[in-house]
């Protein structure tokens, strides 16, 4: 029978319209809005295509940055990971938000003051090397393709459940939409589309969180309900987390709030993952490029502040959503006869993301910590999407969540698409191979490159290498190990030269990528005992970053210093410009 707490979260019915109809309405209306914005803001120059004409207001850029950065991993997968990992799942919260402090202080204003289009642009000019630019282009493309794989998986998960079509078809629809508004509007179109997408995703995230928090705890503020007491059922009067710890103990699982205990990540692994996510945030090319779109270095700082505020709204809600989802899932299924499961279970079971294996033949679902006794397999990426259905919220709320998840995935995919497109058309072709390419030809090439990128991204979406949050964590590790050291040292250490930068980037990304690929695709059965220093593939980017720093600094000290012109450029980037002083020619 359904647990008492599961009964407490039961809400209203689905209404007159079916979930599928509501989903078509929600998704169709938001998609139409995105395409309309793309037509309204279409780019006609390379400056508009790459950096939105560098005239985006700080608050709009902060909102767009929030949507760009809060991907499917943040909307779909993060709360799902916390729901299963408990306390240690907060590595994603700490790492991704902490990285914005580094970004605002160490990189954003200086890169905006430099005033070019892309991160490889900065690397090529700062280190006075086309070879360094090529390595940076390779790193940007590699990181972006890894990241975009997680977004396309998120699109496929949403479409397969809510539009009742195969994952492959859902990915193709998402690819087509991103291609239209990204290639038509460029960064200008993407920016204002992302503003709309932020509004959609934050409303879609908050409405079910508020409803479920009020139903379980009587407190409509999820951040407060997370630490409040349960109002009804067998756990009435207990704090939510206290009840959740007790439920876990009864199932033979580590307590939800426990840290560094058997069955959970070690302290060194948690530290490494947080560090990798933090410096990875500050090194992600699709986030950094956003700060080229504002008017000044001061506006870049304000953009980072606004972005952190907009991101914080969702990120402070996620732990509550994770706890609510965990309670809802266990209480609504554990001990229930398989023949009596609710409709939402059958719907998700049809997607292959939820499965029941009756190991003891009694027909009852048993969710247990011991693998030999556990009969329920749940894909972590469905927790946020399924939570409103489990809580029996109206169909329009469920459809809104689907639209919000798509907004989160597509907004980030568009930003990544532009990074890859700009890396090919501007950083490789225009800057290295055909410097006299006309602006019109470069714009056409950028759109062609975006089209090719969409196809490859779709393939990654159909065959992803892991959960959405895991795949995104890999991308952050690759960004941490490749870009962060050369960007920070390029701004704050005039002695670092092109030889050091090239050696550091190649060392960092080669080490991190090899480690991830080995343990994700070859030695897949390996556990913590086989990992170096007990650090998982999600956290190995921290080690790759330290290697990058060491190699960059060592090689730079053993080779000739940069030219006087480069050192003067570094001084100019770091120091405020005197009144009336013109910027130097790069």
Protein backbone atom coordinates (compact mmCIF):
# COMPACT_ATOMS: atom_id res chain seq x y z
CA UNK A 1 0.00 0.00 0.00
CA UNK A 2 1.09 3.58 -0.55
CA UNK A 3 2.94 5.11 2.40
CA UNK A 4 1.30 7.77 4.52
CA UNK A 5 3.76 10.40 3.46
CA UNK A 6 3.14 9.51 -0.17
CA UNK A 7 -0.57 10.07 0.45
CA UNK A 8 0.18 13.44 1.97
CA UNK A 9 1.68 14.72 -1.26
CA UNK A 10 -1.28 13.71 -3.38
CA UNK A 11 -2.62 16.81 -5.10
CA UNK A 12 -5.35 17.65 -7.53
CA UNK A 13 -6.24 15.74 -10.65
CA UNK A 14 -5.04 16.35 -14.17
CA UNK A 15 -7.98 18.49 -15.29
CA UNK A 16 -9.98 18.21 -18.49
CA UNK A 17 -7.09 18.22 -20.96
CA UNK A 18 -4.68 15.31 -21.20
CA UNK A 19 -1.01 15.60 -20.29
CA UNK A 20 -0.05 15.13 -23.93
CA UNK A 21 -2.31 18.01 -24.98
CA UNK A 22 -0.93 20.29 -22.28
CA UNK A 23 2.61 19.34 -23.29
CA UNK A 24 1.96 20.24 -26.92
CA UNK A 25 0.53 23.57 -25.77
CA UNK A 26 3.43 24.38 -23.42
CA UNK A 27 6.22 23.19 -25.69
CA UNK A 28 4.63 24.56 -28.87
CA UNK A 29 4.05 28.03 -27.42
CA UNK A 30 7.55 28.34 -25.95
CA UNK A 31 9.19 27.06 -29.14
CA UNK A 32 7.19 29.60 -31.16
CA UNK A 33 8.41 32.33 -28.82
CA UNK A 34 12.04 31.31 -29.27
CA UNK A 35 11.80 31.29 -33.06
CA UNK A 36 9.99 34.66 -33.09
CA UNK A 37 12.78 36.19 -30.99
CA UNK A 38 15.39 34.73 -33.36
CA UNK A 39 13.71 36.38 -36.36
CA UNK A 40 13.38 39.68 -34.49
CA UNK A 41 17.04 39.71 -33.41
CA UNK A 42 18.71 38.05 -36.40
CA UNK A 43 22.38 38.94 -36.88
CA UNK A 44 23.58 40.69 -40.03
CA UNK A 45 27.24 41.21 -39.10
CA UNK A 46 29.94 39.00 -37.58
CA UNK A 47 30.03 41.32 -34.55
CA UNK A 48 26.33 40.71 -34.04
CA UNK A 49 26.71 36.97 -34.67
CA UNK A 50 29.66 36.42 -32.30
CA UNK A 51 29.15 38.98 -29.49
CA UNK A 52 25.65 40.48 -30.05
CA UNK A 53 27.19 43.82 -31.04
CA UNK A 54 28.62 44.17 -27.48
CA UNK A 55 25.55 46.14 -26.43
CA UNK A 56 23.61 43.73 -24.18
CA UNK A 57 22.50 45.31 -20.84
CA UNK A 58 24.12 43.75 -17.77
CA UNK A 59 20.84 42.49 -16.23
CA UNK A 60 19.73 40.88 -19.53
CA UNK A 61 23.16 39.34 -19.96
CA UNK A 62 23.02 38.03 -16.39
CA UNK A 63 19.68 36.38 -17.09
CA UNK A 64 20.94 34.97 -20.40
CA UNK A 65 24.08 33.72 -18.66
CA UNK A 66 21.94 32.00 -16.06
CA UNK A 67 19.97 30.19 -18.78
CA UNK A 68 23.15 29.44 -20.75
CA UNK A 69 24.85 27.95 -17.73
CA UNK A 70 21.85 26.27 -16.03
CA UNK A 71 21.68 23.45 -18.49
CA UNK A 72 19.79 20.18 -18.47
CA UNK A 73 22.26 19.13 -15.78
CA UNK A 74 21.01 21.87 -13.45
CA UNK A 75 17.30 21.54 -14.25
CA UNK A 76 16.91 17.81 -14.81
CA UNK A 77 19.83 15.98 -13.31
CA UNK A 78 21.25 17.91 -10.37
CA UNK A 79 18.32 17.41 -8.00
CA UNK A 80 18.14 13.80 -9.20
CA UNK A 81 21.80 13.24 -8.29
CA UNK A 82 21.30 14.89 -4.88
CA UNK A 83 18.16 12.79 -4.37
CA UNK A 84 20.20 9.59 -4.69
CA UNK A 85 23.52 10.79 -3.23
CA UNK A 86 22.14 12.86 -0.35
CA UNK A 87 24.65 15.16 1.32
CA UNK A 88 27.53 14.36 -1.04
CA UNK A 89 25.36 15.26 -4.02
CA UNK A 90 25.79 18.88 -3.00
CA UNK A 91 29.20 18.83 -4.69
CA UNK A 92 27.34 20.07 -7.77
CA UNK A 93 25.79 22.97 -5.86
CA UNK A 94 29.05 24.03 -4.25
CA UNK A 95 31.18 23.58 -7.34
CA UNK A 96 28.96 25.22 -9.93
CA UNK A 97 28.01 28.24 -7.82
CA UNK A 98 31.46 28.70 -6.29
CA UNK A 99 32.93 28.85 -9.76
CA UNK A 100 31.08 32.08 -10.44
CA UNK A 101 33.03 33.81 -7.69
CA UNK A 102 36.25 32.88 -9.47
CA UNK A 103 34.75 33.91 -12.78
CA UNK A 104 33.65 37.34 -11.54
CA UNK A 105 36.92 38.10 -9.76
CA UNK A 106 39.60 36.55 -11.94
CA UNK A 107 38.40 36.43 -15.53
CA UNK A 108 35.19 38.14 -16.67
CA UNK A 109 36.18 41.83 -16.46
CA UNK A 110 39.66 41.28 -17.87
CA UNK A 111 38.47 39.25 -20.84
CA UNK A 112 35.85 41.90 -21.61
CA UNK A 113 38.48 44.62 -21.43
CA UNK A 114 40.58 42.65 -23.90
CA UNK A 115 37.62 43.08 -26.24
CA UNK A 116 37.80 40.25 -28.76
CA UNK A 117 35.24 37.61 -29.75
CA UNK A 118 36.34 34.26 -28.27
CA UNK A 119 38.56 32.54 -25.72
CA UNK A 120 40.95 31.21 -28.43
CA UNK A 121 41.17 34.84 -29.61
CA UNK A 122 42.53 35.80 -26.19
CA UNK A 123 44.92 32.85 -26.07
CA UNK A 124 46.26 33.53 -29.57
CA UNK A 125 46.81 37.26 -28.92
CA UNK A 126 48.04 37.00 -25.32
CA UNK A 127 50.60 34.33 -26.13
CA UNK A 128 51.37 35.75 -29.58
CA UNK A 129 51.08 32.33 -31.15
CA UNK A 130 48.91 30.77 -33.82
CA UNK A 131 49.90 27.36 -32.46
CA UNK A 132 48.50 28.31 -29.05
CA UNK A 133 45.33 29.52 -30.78
CA UNK A 134 44.97 26.15 -32.55
CA UNK A 135 45.39 24.24 -29.29
CA UNK A 136 42.80 26.50 -27.65
CA UNK A 137 40.40 25.89 -30.56
CA UNK A 138 40.85 22.13 -30.16
CA UNK A 139 40.20 22.36 -26.41
CA UNK A 140 37.13 24.57 -26.91
CA UNK A 141 35.61 22.16 -29.44
CA UNK A 142 36.41 19.09 -27.35
CA UNK A 143 34.96 20.58 -24.16
CA UNK A 144 31.88 21.92 -25.94
CA UNK A 145 31.05 18.63 -27.66
CA UNK A 146 31.35 16.80 -24.33
CA UNK A 147 29.03 19.32 -22.71
CA UNK A 148 26.50 19.32 -25.54
CA UNK A 149 26.14 15.54 -25.25
CA UNK A 150 24.49 16.04 -21.85
CA UNK A 151 22.08 18.65 -23.24
CA UNK A 152 20.95 16.46 -26.12
CA UNK A 153 20.39 13.54 -23.73
CA UNK A 154 18.19 15.83 -21.63
CA UNK A 155 16.17 16.80 -24.71
CA UNK A 156 15.71 13.13 -25.61
CA UNK A 157 14.57 12.19 -22.08
CA UNK A 158 11.91 14.92 -22.05
CA UNK A 159 10.59 14.21 -25.52
CA UNK A 160 10.51 10.44 -25.06
CA UNK A 161 8.25 10.75 -22.02
CA UNK A 162 6.06 13.77 -22.55
CA UNK A 163 5.54 13.76 -26.31
CA UNK A 164 5.50 9.95 -26.41
CA UNK A 165 7.98 9.71 -29.26
CA UNK A 166 11.31 7.82 -29.50
CA UNK A 167 14.37 9.48 -27.97
CA UNK A 168 15.99 9.70 -31.42
CA UNK A 169 13.09 11.72 -32.85
CA UNK A 170 13.08 14.01 -29.83
CA UNK A 171 16.77 14.75 -30.29
CA UNK A 172 16.20 15.55 -33.98
CA UNK A 173 13.41 18.02 -33.10
CA UNK A 174 15.67 19.72 -30.55
CA UNK A 175 18.50 19.88 -33.08
CA UNK A 176 16.27 21.54 -35.66
CA UNK A 177 15.05 24.19 -33.23
CA UNK A 178 18.53 25.07 -31.98
CA UNK A 179 19.81 25.24 -35.54
CA UNK A 180 17.11 27.73 -36.55
CA UNK A 181 17.48 30.27 -33.77
CA UNK A 182 21.23 29.88 -33.24
CA UNK A 183 22.26 30.19 -36.88
CA UNK A 184 19.70 32.88 -37.69
CA UNK A 185 20.27 35.17 -34.73
CA UNK A 186 23.80 34.25 -33.68
CA UNK A 187 24.79 35.52 -30.25
CA UNK A 188 22.23 38.33 -30.45
CA UNK A 189 19.39 35.90 -31.12
CA UNK A 190 20.71 33.41 -28.58
CA UNK A 191 21.00 36.09 -25.88
CA UNK A 192 17.40 37.29 -26.03
CA UNK A 193 16.10 33.77 -26.56
CA UNK A 194 17.97 32.74 -23.41
CA UNK A 195 16.33 35.58 -21.47
CA UNK A 196 12.94 34.09 -22.40
CA UNK A 197 14.20 30.59 -21.65
CA UNK A 198 15.34 31.63 -18.19
CA UNK A 199 11.87 32.94 -17.39
CA UNK A 200 10.31 29.68 -18.60
CA UNK A 201 12.69 27.37 -16.77
CA UNK A 202 12.62 29.20 -13.43
CA UNK A 203 8.81 29.36 -13.36
CA UNK A 204 8.64 25.69 -14.34
CA UNK A 205 11.06 24.76 -11.55
CA UNK A 206 9.46 26.83 -8.80
CA UNK A 207 5.74 26.10 -9.25
CA UNK A 208 5.87 22.35 -8.45
CA UNK A 209 8.51 22.96 -5.75
CA UNK A 210 6.24 25.46 -4.00
CA UNK A 211 3.18 23.21 -4.32
CA UNK A 212 4.89 20.09 -2.99
CA UNK A 213 6.65 21.98 -0.18
CA UNK A 214 3.32 23.40 0.99
CA UNK A 215 1.61 20.00 0.83
CA UNK A 216 4.31 18.15 2.79
CA UNK A 217 5.41 20.78 5.32
CA UNK A 218 2.76 23.52 5.18
CA UNK A 219 5.51 25.95 4.14
CA UNK A 220 5.22 27.33 0.58
CA UNK A 221 8.89 28.39 0.45
CA UNK A 222 10.87 25.28 -0.62
CA UNK A 223 14.12 26.56 0.89
CA UNK A 224 12.38 26.78 4.28
CA UNK A 225 10.23 23.69 3.81
CA UNK A 226 13.45 21.73 3.30
CA UNK A 227 14.25 22.30 6.98
CA UNK A 228 10.69 22.19 8.29
CA UNK A 229 8.54 19.47 9.85
CA UNK A 230 6.10 17.16 8.08
CA UNK A 231 2.46 18.01 8.73
CA UNK A 232 0.66 14.71 8.08
CA UNK A 233 1.10 10.93 7.98
CA UNK A 234 3.20 8.54 10.02
CA UNK A 235 6.12 10.97 10.07
CA UNK A 236 4.05 13.98 11.19
CA UNK A 237 5.98 16.24 13.54
CA UNK A 238 9.37 15.02 12.35
CA UNK A 239 11.74 17.20 10.41
CA UNK A 240 11.80 16.26 6.71
CA UNK A 241 15.48 15.30 6.72
CA UNK A 242 15.10 13.39 10.00
CA UNK A 243 12.29 11.34 8.43
CA UNK A 244 14.34 10.79 5.29
CA UNK A 245 17.30 9.52 7.33
CA UNK A 246 14.99 7.07 9.08
CA UNK A 247 13.55 5.84 5.78
CA UNK A 248 17.07 5.24 4.48
CA UNK A 249 18.06 3.29 7.59
CA UNK A 250 15.00 1.07 7.22
CA UNK A 251 15.97 0.32 3.59
CA UNK A 252 19.61 -0.49 4.41
CA UNK A 253 20.90 2.69 2.75
CA UNK A 254 23.39 5.25 4.17
CA UNK A 255 21.59 8.06 5.93
CA UNK A 256 20.58 10.82 3.54
CA UNK A 257 22.42 13.52 5.49
CA UNK A 258 25.50 11.41 6.25
CA UNK A 259 28.87 12.36 4.79
CA UNK A 260 31.99 10.30 4.02
CA UNK A 261 30.50 7.01 5.23
CA UNK A 262 30.54 3.61 3.48
CA UNK A 263 28.40 3.77 0.37
CA UNK A 264 29.14 7.46 -0.20
CA UNK A 265 31.95 9.42 -1.78
CA UNK A 266 35.17 9.99 0.15
CA UNK A 267 36.33 13.39 1.36
CA UNK A 268 39.15 13.58 -1.19
CA UNK A 269 36.80 12.75 -4.06
CA UNK A 270 34.23 15.31 -2.92
CA UNK A 271 36.98 17.94 -2.62
CA UNK A 272 38.35 17.11 -6.07
CA UNK A 273 34.91 17.24 -7.73
CA UNK A 274 34.05 20.59 -6.11
CA UNK A 275 37.40 22.05 -7.19
CA UNK A 276 37.06 20.69 -10.73
CA UNK A 277 33.54 22.10 -11.07
CA UNK A 278 34.56 25.48 -9.66
CA UNK A 279 37.55 26.08 -11.92
CA UNK A 280 35.71 24.39 -14.78
CA UNK A 281 32.93 26.97 -14.44
CA UNK A 282 35.52 29.73 -14.71
CA UNK A 283 37.04 28.10 -17.79
CA UNK A 284 33.99 27.13 -19.83
CA UNK A 285 34.20 28.85 -23.23
CA UNK A 286 30.43 29.20 -23.73
CA UNK A 287 30.13 31.01 -20.37
CA UNK A 288 33.19 33.20 -20.89
CA UNK A 289 32.01 34.33 -24.31
CA UNK A 290 28.91 35.83 -22.70
CA UNK A 291 31.04 38.51 -21.05
CA UNK A 292 32.19 39.75 -24.46
CA UNK A 293 28.60 40.81 -25.23
CA UNK A 294 28.33 43.69 -22.72
CA UNK A 295 29.49 47.28 -23.12
CA UNK A 296 32.37 47.43 -20.61
CA UNK A 297 34.45 45.61 -18.01
CA UNK A 298 32.24 47.10 -15.28
CA UNK A 299 29.16 45.74 -17.04
CA UNK A 300 30.87 42.33 -17.13
CA UNK A 301 31.20 42.41 -13.34
CA UNK A 302 27.53 43.36 -12.94
CA UNK A 303 26.58 40.59 -15.40
CA UNK A 304 28.34 38.05 -13.17
CA UNK A 305 26.52 39.42 -10.11
CA UNK A 306 23.11 39.26 -11.81
CA UNK A 307 23.86 35.78 -13.15
CA UNK A 308 24.74 34.51 -9.67
CA UNK A 309 21.48 35.93 -8.30
CA UNK A 310 19.36 34.34 -11.04
CA UNK A 311 21.20 31.03 -10.74
CA UNK A 312 20.88 31.10 -6.94
CA UNK A 313 17.09 31.07 -7.15
CA UNK A 314 17.14 27.61 -8.72
CA UNK A 315 20.18 26.32 -6.87
CA UNK A 316 18.80 27.06 -3.41
CA UNK A 317 15.58 25.29 -4.42
CA UNK A 318 17.27 22.15 -5.78
CA UNK A 319 18.12 20.45 -2.42
CA UNK A 320 14.48 20.79 -1.36
CA UNK A 321 13.25 19.38 -4.68
CA UNK A 322 15.69 16.47 -4.27
CA UNK A 323 14.42 15.62 -0.77
CA UNK A 324 10.76 15.91 -1.78
CA UNK A 325 11.37 13.70 -4.83
CA UNK A 326 13.21 11.09 -2.76
CA UNK A 327 10.39 10.84 -0.23
CA UNK A 328 7.71 10.79 -2.93
CA UNK A 329 9.39 8.01 -4.90
CA UNK A 330 10.05 5.67 -1.97
CA UNK A 331 6.74 6.19 -0.20
CA UNK A 332 4.65 5.85 -3.37
CA UNK A 333 6.30 2.64 -4.65
CA UNK A 334 8.02 0.63 -1.92
CA UNK A 335 5.88 -2.38 -1.00
CA UNK A 336 3.27 -1.62 -3.67
CA UNK A 337 2.00 -4.49 -5.83
CA UNK A 338 3.32 -4.18 -9.35
CA UNK A 339 -0.18 -4.72 -10.76
CA UNK A 340 -1.39 -1.69 -8.76
CA UNK A 341 1.33 0.81 -9.71
CA UNK A 342 0.10 4.32 -10.62
CA UNK A 343 -0.12 5.46 -14.22
CA UNK A 344 3.01 7.61 -14.03
CA UNK A 345 5.08 4.48 -13.25
CA UNK A 346 3.89 2.70 -16.38
CA UNK A 347 4.51 5.80 -18.50
CA UNK A 348 8.12 6.12 -17.35
CA UNK A 349 8.62 2.37 -17.55
CA UNK A 350 7.78 2.59 -21.26
CA UNK A 351 10.73 4.95 -21.76
CA UNK A 352 13.18 2.40 -20.33
CA UNK A 353 14.26 4.85 -17.61
CA UNK A 354 12.35 3.07 -14.83
CA UNK A 355 12.30 -0.72 -14.37
CA UNK A 356 11.00 -3.38 -11.97
CA UNK A 357 12.65 -6.79 -11.59
CA UNK A 358 10.63 -9.13 -9.36
CA UNK A 359 13.54 -11.05 -7.84
CA UNK A 360 11.60 -12.85 -5.12
CA UNK A 361 8.46 -13.45 -7.19
CA UNK A 362 6.00 -11.92 -4.69
CA UNK A 363 4.76 -9.24 -7.10
CA UNK A 364 5.60 -6.44 -4.66
CA UNK A 365 8.11 -3.69 -5.45
CA UNK A 366 11.04 -3.78 -3.03
CA UNK A 367 13.42 -0.84 -2.98
CA UNK A 368 16.47 -1.78 -0.90
CA UNK A 369 20.09 -0.79 -0.40
CA UNK A 370 21.41 -4.31 -1.00
CA UNK A 371 21.76 -4.94 -4.73
CA UNK A 372 20.60 -8.55 -4.47
CA UNK A 373 17.35 -7.45 -2.81
CA UNK A 374 16.64 -4.26 -4.76
CA UNK A 375 13.95 -4.67 -7.43
CA UNK A 376 13.59 -1.07 -8.60
CA UNK A 377 15.94 0.63 -11.06
CA UNK A 378 15.50 4.38 -11.45
CA UNK A 379 17.39 6.61 -13.89
CA UNK A 380 18.43 9.64 -11.87
CA UNK A 381 17.59 11.98 -14.75
CA UNK A 382 13.84 11.38 -14.34
CA UNK A 383 13.46 12.52 -10.73
CA UNK A 384 12.66 16.19 -11.35
CA UNK A 385 10.49 15.39 -14.36
CA UNK A 386 8.54 12.64 -12.62
CA UNK A 387 8.16 14.40 -9.26
CA UNK A 388 5.07 16.47 -10.22
CA UNK A 389 3.38 13.34 -11.57
CA UNK A 390 4.21 11.36 -8.42
CA UNK A 391 2.74 14.19 -6.34
CA UNK A 392 -0.38 14.17 -8.53
CA UNK A 393 -0.07 17.80 -9.53
CA UNK A 394 -2.26 19.04 -12.43
CA UNK A 395 -1.29 18.07 -15.95
CA UNK A 396 -0.52 21.68 -16.90
CA UNK A 397 2.15 21.80 -14.17
CA UNK A 398 3.74 18.60 -15.48
CA UNK A 399 3.71 20.01 -19.02
CA UNK A 400 5.26 23.26 -17.79
CA UNK A 401 8.10 21.29 -16.19
CA UNK A 402 8.71 19.58 -19.54
CA UNK A 403 8.86 22.97 -21.28
CA UNK A 404 11.25 24.26 -18.61
CA UNK A 405 13.54 21.26 -18.98
CA UNK A 406 13.67 21.79 -22.73
CA UNK A 407 14.41 25.49 -22.22
CA UNK A 408 17.34 24.62 -19.94
CA UNK A 409 18.79 22.07 -22.35
CA UNK A 410 18.31 24.09 -25.52
CA UNK A 411 19.63 27.36 -24.08
CA UNK A 412 22.95 25.76 -23.17
CA UNK A 413 23.11 23.76 -26.40
CA UNK A 414 22.74 27.01 -28.37
CA UNK A 415 25.60 28.66 -26.48
CA UNK A 416 27.83 25.64 -27.05
CA UNK A 417 26.85 25.56 -30.70
CA UNK A 418 28.01 29.14 -31.11
CA UNK A 419 31.35 28.42 -29.41
CA UNK A 420 32.07 25.57 -31.79
CA UNK A 421 30.88 27.57 -34.80
CA UNK A 422 33.02 30.59 -33.85
CA UNK A 423 36.04 28.39 -33.14
CA UNK A 424 35.89 27.00 -36.66
CA UNK A 425 34.90 30.07 -38.67
CA UNK A 426 36.67 32.85 -36.73
CA UNK A 427 39.53 31.29 -34.78
CA UNK A 428 40.68 28.82 -37.42
CA UNK A 429 39.62 29.98 -40.89
CA UNK A 430 39.50 33.77 -40.47
CA UNK A 431 42.35 34.20 -38.00
CA UNK A 432 44.78 31.62 -39.38
CA UNK A 433 44.07 30.24 -42.83
CA UNK A 434 42.12 32.99 -44.67
CA UNK A 435 42.69 36.33 -42.90
CA UNK A 436 41.26 38.28 -45.86
CA UNK A 437 37.94 36.45 -45.77
CA UNK A 438 35.09 38.93 -46.19
CA UNK A 439 32.62 39.52 -43.36
CA UNK A 440 29.77 38.12 -45.44
CA UNK A 441 31.72 34.94 -46.24
CA UNK A 442 32.74 34.52 -42.61
CA UNK A 443 29.13 34.84 -41.49
CA UNK A 444 28.07 32.21 -44.04
CA UNK A 445 30.88 29.91 -42.90
CA UNK A 446 29.84 30.33 -39.26
CA UNK A 447 26.30 29.21 -40.08
CA UNK A 448 27.55 26.22 -42.09
CA UNK A 449 29.82 25.22 -39.20
CA UNK A 450 26.85 25.48 -36.83
CA UNK A 451 24.86 23.15 -39.06
CA UNK A 452 27.58 20.51 -39.01
CA UNK A 453 27.93 20.89 -35.28
CA UNK A 454 24.22 20.26 -34.75
CA UNK A 455 24.46 16.92 -36.54
CA UNK A 456 27.39 15.73 -34.41
CA UNK A 457 25.67 16.99 -31.26
CA UNK A 458 22.58 14.96 -32.14
CA UNK A 459 24.67 11.80 -32.41
CA UNK A 460 26.09 12.48 -28.94
CA UNK A 461 22.55 12.98 -27.66
CA UNK A 462 21.43 9.60 -28.95
CA UNK A 463 24.51 7.80 -27.61
CA UNK A 464 25.50 9.70 -24.42
CA UNK A 465 28.35 8.47 -22.18
CA UNK A 466 26.43 8.75 -18.89
CA UNK A 467 23.86 10.62 -16.81
CA UNK A 468 23.36 14.24 -17.79
CA UNK A 469 25.11 15.60 -14.69
CA UNK A 470 27.96 13.11 -15.09
CA UNK A 471 28.57 14.08 -18.71
CA UNK A 472 28.49 17.77 -17.81
CA UNK A 473 30.90 17.14 -14.92
CA UNK A 474 33.31 15.60 -17.43
CA UNK A 475 33.07 18.77 -19.54
CA UNK A 476 33.81 20.94 -16.50
CA UNK A 477 36.84 18.79 -15.69
CA UNK A 478 38.14 19.16 -19.24
CA UNK A 479 37.62 22.95 -19.09
CA UNK A 480 39.36 23.12 -15.72
CA UNK A 481 42.37 21.18 -16.93
CA UNK A 482 42.77 23.03 -20.24
CA UNK A 483 41.62 26.66 -20.07
CA UNK A 484 41.59 27.88 -16.49
CA UNK A 485 45.37 27.92 -15.86
CA UNK A 486 46.34 29.59 -19.14
CA UNK A 487 43.61 32.22 -18.76
CA UNK A 488 44.48 33.11 -15.16
CA UNK A 489 48.23 33.06 -15.76
CA UNK A 490 47.76 34.95 -19.01
CA UNK A 491 46.19 37.80 -17.03
CA UNK A 492 48.25 37.77 -13.84
CA UNK A 493 51.71 36.46 -14.84
CA UNK A 494 53.57 38.37 -17.56
CA UNK A 495 56.37 35.79 -17.60
CA UNK A 496 54.17 32.94 -18.91
CA UNK A 497 54.85 32.41 -22.60
CA UNK A 498 53.46 30.51 -25.56
CA UNK A 499 55.62 27.42 -25.00
CA UNK A 500 54.32 27.08 -21.46
CA UNK A 501 50.70 27.71 -22.45
CA UNK A 502 50.75 25.12 -25.24
CA UNK A 503 52.48 22.50 -23.11
CA UNK A 504 50.13 23.15 -20.18
CA UNK A 505 46.91 22.94 -22.20
CA UNK A 506 47.96 19.76 -23.98
CA UNK A 507 49.14 18.11 -20.75
CA UNK A 508 46.01 19.01 -18.79
CA UNK A 509 43.42 17.99 -21.35
CA UNK A 510 45.29 14.84 -22.46
CA UNK A 511 45.63 13.58 -18.89
CA UNK A 512 42.02 14.38 -17.93
CA UNK A 513 40.48 13.02 -21.13
CA UNK A 514 42.52 9.79 -20.93
CA UNK A 515 41.49 9.20 -17.33
CA UNK A 516 37.79 9.80 -18.08
CA UNK A 517 37.79 7.66 -21.22
CA UNK A 518 39.62 4.79 -19.51
CA UNK A 519 37.29 4.51 -16.54
CA UNK A 520 34.07 5.29 -18.47
CA UNK A 521 34.60 3.09 -21.52
CA UNK A 522 37.27 0.49 -20.77
CA UNK A 523 37.66 -0.25 -17.06
CA UNK A 524 33.97 0.38 -16.36
CA UNK A 525 33.80 -2.04 -13.41
CA UNK A 526 36.55 -0.23 -11.50
CA UNK A 527 35.65 1.44 -8.25
CA UNK A 528 37.32 3.86 -5.88
CA UNK A 529 40.10 1.36 -5.15
CA UNK A 530 41.29 1.64 -8.78
CA UNK A 531 41.04 5.43 -9.09
CA UNK A 532 44.19 7.50 -8.65
CA UNK A 533 44.23 8.85 -5.08
CA UNK A 534 40.57 7.73 -4.84
CA UNK A 535 39.45 10.49 -7.22
CA UNK A 536 36.58 9.67 -9.58
CA UNK A 537 36.48 10.65 -13.28
CA UNK A 538 34.14 13.53 -12.35
CA UNK A 539 36.84 15.06 -10.14
CA UNK A 540 40.02 14.25 -12.03
CA UNK A 541 39.92 17.63 -13.77
CA UNK A 542 41.27 19.12 -10.51
CA UNK A 543 44.43 17.04 -10.88
CA UNK A 544 44.62 17.90 -14.58
CA UNK A 545 44.41 21.59 -13.66
CA UNK A 546 47.29 21.29 -11.18
CA UNK A 547 49.36 19.50 -13.82
CA UNK A 548 48.56 22.28 -16.28
CA UNK A 549 49.68 24.94 -13.81
CA UNK A 550 52.91 23.07 -13.02
CA UNK A 551 53.81 22.41 -16.66
CA UNK A 552 52.90 25.94 -17.82
CA UNK A 553 54.97 27.64 -15.12
CA UNK A 554 57.94 25.27 -15.46
CA UNK A 555 58.18 25.42 -19.25
CA UNK A 556 57.70 29.20 -19.25
CA UNK A 557 60.64 29.65 -16.85
CA UNK A 558 62.87 27.42 -18.98
CA UNK A 559 62.13 29.23 -22.25
CA UNK A 560 62.47 32.90 -23.39
CA UNK A 561 59.99 35.43 -21.93
CA UNK A 562 57.21 36.97 -24.01
CA UNK A 563 57.88 40.07 -26.08
CA UNK A 564 57.68 43.60 -24.66
CA UNK A 565 54.46 44.15 -26.66
CA UNK A 566 52.78 41.15 -25.00
CA UNK A 567 53.88 42.26 -21.53
CA UNK A 568 52.48 45.73 -22.23
CA UNK A 569 49.20 44.14 -23.34
CA UNK A 570 48.95 42.27 -20.04
CA UNK A 571 49.55 45.48 -18.10
CA UNK A 572 46.86 47.24 -20.11
CA UNK A 573 44.32 44.46 -19.51
CA UNK A 574 44.91 44.43 -15.76
CA UNK A 575 45.19 48.15 -15.02
CA UNK A 576 42.41 50.75 -15.36
CA UNK A 577 42.83 52.89 -18.46
CA UNK A 578 43.57 56.56 -17.83
CA UNK A 579 40.93 59.08 -18.91
CA UNK A 580 41.08 59.73 -22.59
CA UNK A 581 43.64 56.98 -23.23
CA UNK A 582 42.88 54.89 -26.27
CA UNK A 583 43.11 51.12 -26.09
CA UNK A 584 46.20 49.59 -27.68
CA UNK A 585 45.95 48.02 -31.11
CA UNK A 586 46.05 44.23 -30.92
